[in-house]
Amino acid sequence: MFKALTALPDGVIGFETSGKLEATDYRDVLLPAIEKAAANGAELRIVIVFPQFEGISAGALWQDLKMGVEHMRGWKRIALVTDVEWMVHMTAMFGWMTPGEVKHFPLAERDAAIRWAAG
């Protein structure tokens, strides 16, 4: 599940995850927020917080990939906030393949992630 973060700087959207991510989480929560943010041609700046990772369905994985491609040119900054080690390593290894800038922040540096995404 994606829960929207509040009190973010203008131009930044953010979410905290919990439980197993499903296709409906992307379709009903994340994608509408991204489409709204991209509607006026603004650069997409997003903060995603993963306190833990409980899995992702095949449908959610497909939605994630599709969303990245559909908004390929819009991504400016993606801040991944997590202490989940494999996510940290994957970001370090494959972040260069993601459109826009991608940066990892530990959970304790959530506020720094938000400031970076806004910058």
C-alpha atoms as a PDB file:
ATOM      1  CA  MET A   1       0.000   0.000   0.000  1.00  0.00           C
ATOM      2  CA  PHE A   2       1.103   3.563  -0.740  1.00  0.00           C
ATOM      3  CA  LYS A   3       0.251   6.255   1.794  1.00  0.00           C
ATOM      4  CA  ALA A   4       0.726   9.840   0.595  1.00  0.00           C
ATOM      5  CA  LEU A   5       3.197  11.955   2.543  1.00  0.00           C
ATOM      6  CA  THR A   6       1.897  15.364   3.551  1.00  0.00           C
ATOM      7  CA  ALA A   7       3.512  18.764   4.103  1.00  0.00           C
ATOM      8  CA  LEU A   8       5.972  18.347   1.237  1.00  0.00           C
ATOM      9  CA  PRO A   9       7.544  21.272  -0.630  1.00  0.00           C
ATOM     10  CA  ASP A  10       5.792  22.455  -3.783  1.00  0.00           C
ATOM     11  CA  GLY A  11       6.553  20.208  -6.721  1.00  0.00           C
ATOM     12  CA  VAL A  12       7.401  17.141  -4.624  1.00  0.00           C
ATOM     13  CA  ILE A  13       5.148  14.135  -4.181  1.00  0.00           C
ATOM     14  CA  GLY A  14       5.877  11.393  -1.708  1.00  0.00           C
ATOM     15  CA  PHE A  15       4.648   8.070  -0.421  1.00  0.00           C
ATOM     16  CA  GLU A  16       5.379   5.608   2.341  1.00  0.00           C
ATOM     17  CA  THR A  17       4.837   1.939   1.622  1.00  0.00           C
ATOM     18  CA  SER A  18       3.481  -0.825   3.789  1.00  0.00           C
ATOM     19  CA  GLY A  19       2.482  -4.412   3.174  1.00  0.00           C
ATOM     20  CA  LYS A  20       2.777  -6.126  -0.177  1.00  0.00           C
ATOM     21  CA  LEU A  21       2.462  -3.759  -3.146  1.00  0.00           C
ATOM     22  CA  GLU A  22      -0.317  -4.670  -5.576  1.00  0.00           C
ATOM     23  CA  ALA A  23      -1.238  -3.393  -9.038  1.00  0.00           C
ATOM     24  CA  THR A  24      -4.193  -1.520  -7.540  1.00  0.00           C
ATOM     25  CA  ASP A  25      -1.782   0.462  -5.334  1.00  0.00           C
ATOM     26  CA  TYR A  26      -0.097   1.775  -8.453  1.00  0.00           C
ATOM     27  CA  ARG A  27      -3.287   2.255 -10.471  1.00  0.00           C
ATOM     28  CA  ASP A  28      -5.368   3.894  -7.731  1.00  0.00           C
ATOM     29  CA  VAL A  29      -2.795   5.852  -5.699  1.00  0.00           C
ATOM     30  CA  LEU A  30       0.641   6.329  -7.231  1.00  0.00           C
ATOM     31  CA  LEU A  31      -0.201   6.747 -10.915  1.00  0.00           C
ATOM     32  CA  PRO A  32      -2.935   9.396 -10.408  1.00  0.00           C
ATOM     33  CA  ALA A  33      -0.556  11.451  -8.252  1.00  0.00           C
ATOM     34  CA  ILE A  34       2.207  11.205 -10.849  1.00  0.00           C
ATOM     35  CA  GLU A  35      -0.150  12.079 -13.690  1.00  0.00           C
ATOM     36  CA  LYS A  36      -1.451  15.092 -11.754  1.00  0.00           C
ATOM     37  CA  ALA A  37       2.092  16.263 -11.023  1.00  0.00           C
ATOM     38  CA  ALA A  38       3.133  15.797 -14.663  1.00  0.00           C
ATOM     39  CA  ALA A  39      -0.025  17.365 -16.145  1.00  0.00           C
ATOM     40  CA  ASN A  40       1.397  20.863 -16.360  1.00  0.00           C
ATOM     41  CA  GLY A  41       4.730  19.666 -17.739  1.00  0.00           C
ATOM     42  CA  ALA A  42       6.477  19.926 -14.388  1.00  0.00           C
ATOM     43  CA  GLU A  43       9.482  17.762 -13.642  1.00  0.00           C
ATOM     44  CA  LEU A  44       8.595  14.796 -11.471  1.00  0.00           C
ATOM     45  CA  ARG A  45      10.198  14.843  -8.032  1.00  0.00           C
ATOM     46  CA  ILE A  46       9.251  11.986  -5.763  1.00  0.00           C
ATOM     47  CA  VAL A  47      10.175  10.615  -2.359  1.00  0.00           C
ATOM     48  CA  ILE A  48       9.375   6.968  -1.675  1.00  0.00           C
ATOM     49  CA  VAL A  49       9.847   5.619   1.839  1.00  0.00           C
ATOM     50  CA  PHE A  50      10.222   1.867   2.389  1.00  0.00           C
ATOM     51  CA  PRO A  51      10.410   1.201   6.154  1.00  0.00           C
ATOM     52  CA  GLN A  52      10.404  -2.479   5.177  1.00  0.00           C
ATOM     53  CA  PHE A  53       9.651  -4.495   2.074  1.00  0.00           C
ATOM     54  CA  GLU A  54       6.966  -7.167   2.180  1.00  0.00           C
ATOM     55  CA  GLY A  55       6.847  -7.950  -1.521  1.00  0.00           C
ATOM     56  CA  ILE A  56       5.390  -6.845  -4.813  1.00  0.00           C
ATOM     57  CA  SER A  57       2.926  -8.671  -7.019  1.00  0.00           C
ATOM     58  CA  ALA A  58       3.682  -9.351 -10.678  1.00  0.00           C
ATOM     59  CA  GLY A  59       0.934  -6.901 -11.632  1.00  0.00           C
ATOM     60  CA  ALA A  60       2.465  -4.185  -9.453  1.00  0.00           C
ATOM     61  CA  LEU A  61       5.885  -4.800 -10.958  1.00  0.00           C
ATOM     62  CA  TRP A  62       4.378  -4.397 -14.422  1.00  0.00           C
ATOM     63  CA  GLN A  63       2.642  -1.156 -13.377  1.00  0.00           C
ATOM     64  CA  ASP A  64       5.948   0.133 -11.972  1.00  0.00           C
ATOM     65  CA  LEU A  65       7.823  -0.551 -15.203  1.00  0.00           C
ATOM     66  CA  LYS A  66       5.017   0.855 -17.342  1.00  0.00           C
ATOM     67  CA  MET A  67       4.819   4.023 -15.244  1.00  0.00           C
ATOM     68  CA  GLY A  68       8.551   4.626 -15.593  1.00  0.00           C
ATOM     69  CA  VAL A  69       8.402   4.312 -19.362  1.00  0.00           C
ATOM     70  CA  GLU A  70       5.228   6.383 -19.798  1.00  0.00           C
ATOM     71  CA  HIS A  71       6.767   9.294 -17.906  1.00  0.00           C
ATOM     72  CA  MET A  72      10.356   8.719 -19.069  1.00  0.00           C
ATOM     73  CA  ARG A  73      11.111  12.351 -19.840  1.00  0.00           C
ATOM     74  CA  GLY A  74       9.407  13.797 -16.792  1.00  0.00           C
ATOM     75  CA  TRP A  75      11.539  12.321 -14.012  1.00  0.00           C
ATOM     76  CA  LYS A  76      13.861  14.821 -12.334  1.00  0.00           C
ATOM     77  CA  ARG A  77      14.635  13.340  -8.912  1.00  0.00           C
ATOM     78  CA  ILE A  78      13.700  10.126  -7.134  1.00  0.00           C
ATOM     79  CA  ALA A  79      14.648   9.840  -3.471  1.00  0.00           C
ATOM     80  CA  LEU A  80      14.536   6.286  -2.123  1.00  0.00           C
ATOM     81  CA  VAL A  81      14.360   6.308   1.670  1.00  0.00           C
ATOM     82  CA  THR A  82      15.047   2.893   3.186  1.00  0.00           C
ATOM     83  CA  ASP A  83      17.315   0.768   5.322  1.00  0.00           C
ATOM     84  CA  VAL A  84      16.437  -2.384   3.347  1.00  0.00           C
ATOM     85  CA  GLU A  85      19.930  -3.480   2.304  1.00  0.00           C
ATOM     86  CA  TRP A  86      19.138  -5.101  -1.037  1.00  0.00           C
ATOM     87  CA  MET A  87      17.267  -1.967  -2.151  1.00  0.00           C
ATOM     88  CA  VAL A  88      20.275   0.155  -1.224  1.00  0.00           C
ATOM     89  CA  HIS A  89      22.568  -2.121  -3.265  1.00  0.00           C
ATOM     90  CA  MET A  90      20.208  -2.253  -6.253  1.00  0.00           C
ATOM     91  CA  THR A  91      19.958   1.537  -6.278  1.00  0.00           C
ATOM     92  CA  ALA A  92      23.752   1.796  -6.240  1.00  0.00           C
ATOM     93  CA  MET A  93      24.123  -0.729  -9.070  1.00  0.00           C
ATOM     94  CA  PHE A  94      21.200   0.187 -11.324  1.00  0.00           C
ATOM     95  CA  GLY A  95      20.189   3.726 -10.409  1.00  0.00           C
ATOM     96  CA  TRP A  96      22.023   5.023 -13.471  1.00  0.00           C
ATOM     97  CA  MET A  97      19.458   3.219 -15.655  1.00  0.00           C
ATOM     98  CA  THR A  98      16.574   5.161 -14.134  1.00  0.00           C
ATOM     99  CA  PRO A  99      15.492   8.375 -15.839  1.00  0.00           C
ATOM    100  CA  GLY A 100      16.384  11.430 -13.795  1.00  0.00           C
ATOM    101  CA  GLU A 101      18.546  11.405 -10.692  1.00  0.00           C
ATOM    102  CA  VAL A 102      18.094   8.650  -8.119  1.00  0.00           C
ATOM    103  CA  LYS A 103      19.572   8.839  -4.646  1.00  0.00           C
ATOM    104  CA  HIS A 104      19.290   6.619  -1.579  1.00  0.00           C
ATOM    105  CA  PHE A 105      18.792   7.965   1.920  1.00  0.00           C
ATOM    106  CA  PRO A 106      18.615   5.974   5.174  1.00  0.00           C
ATOM    107  CA  LEU A 107      15.326   6.172   7.077  1.00  0.00           C
ATOM    108  CA  ALA A 108      16.946   8.491   9.627  1.00  0.00           C
ATOM    109  CA  GLU A 109      17.585  11.019   6.817  1.00  0.00           C
ATOM    110  CA  ARG A 110      14.029  11.274   5.516  1.00  0.00           C
ATOM    111  CA  ASP A 111      13.975  15.072   5.847  1.00  0.00           C
ATOM    112  CA  ALA A 112      17.251  15.333   3.901  1.00  0.00           C
ATOM    113  CA  ALA A 113      15.702  13.178   1.149  1.00  0.00           C
ATOM    114  CA  ILE A 114      12.754  15.546   0.900  1.00  0.00           C
ATOM    115  CA  ARG A 115      15.050  18.577   0.698  1.00  0.00           C
ATOM    116  CA  TRP A 116      17.157  16.877  -1.987  1.00  0.00           C
ATOM    117  CA  ALA A 117      14.096  15.937  -4.057  1.00  0.00           C
ATOM    118  CA  ALA A 118      12.901  19.543  -3.909  1.00  0.00           C
ATOM    119  CA  GLY A 119      16.296  20.967  -4.907  1.00  0.00           C
END
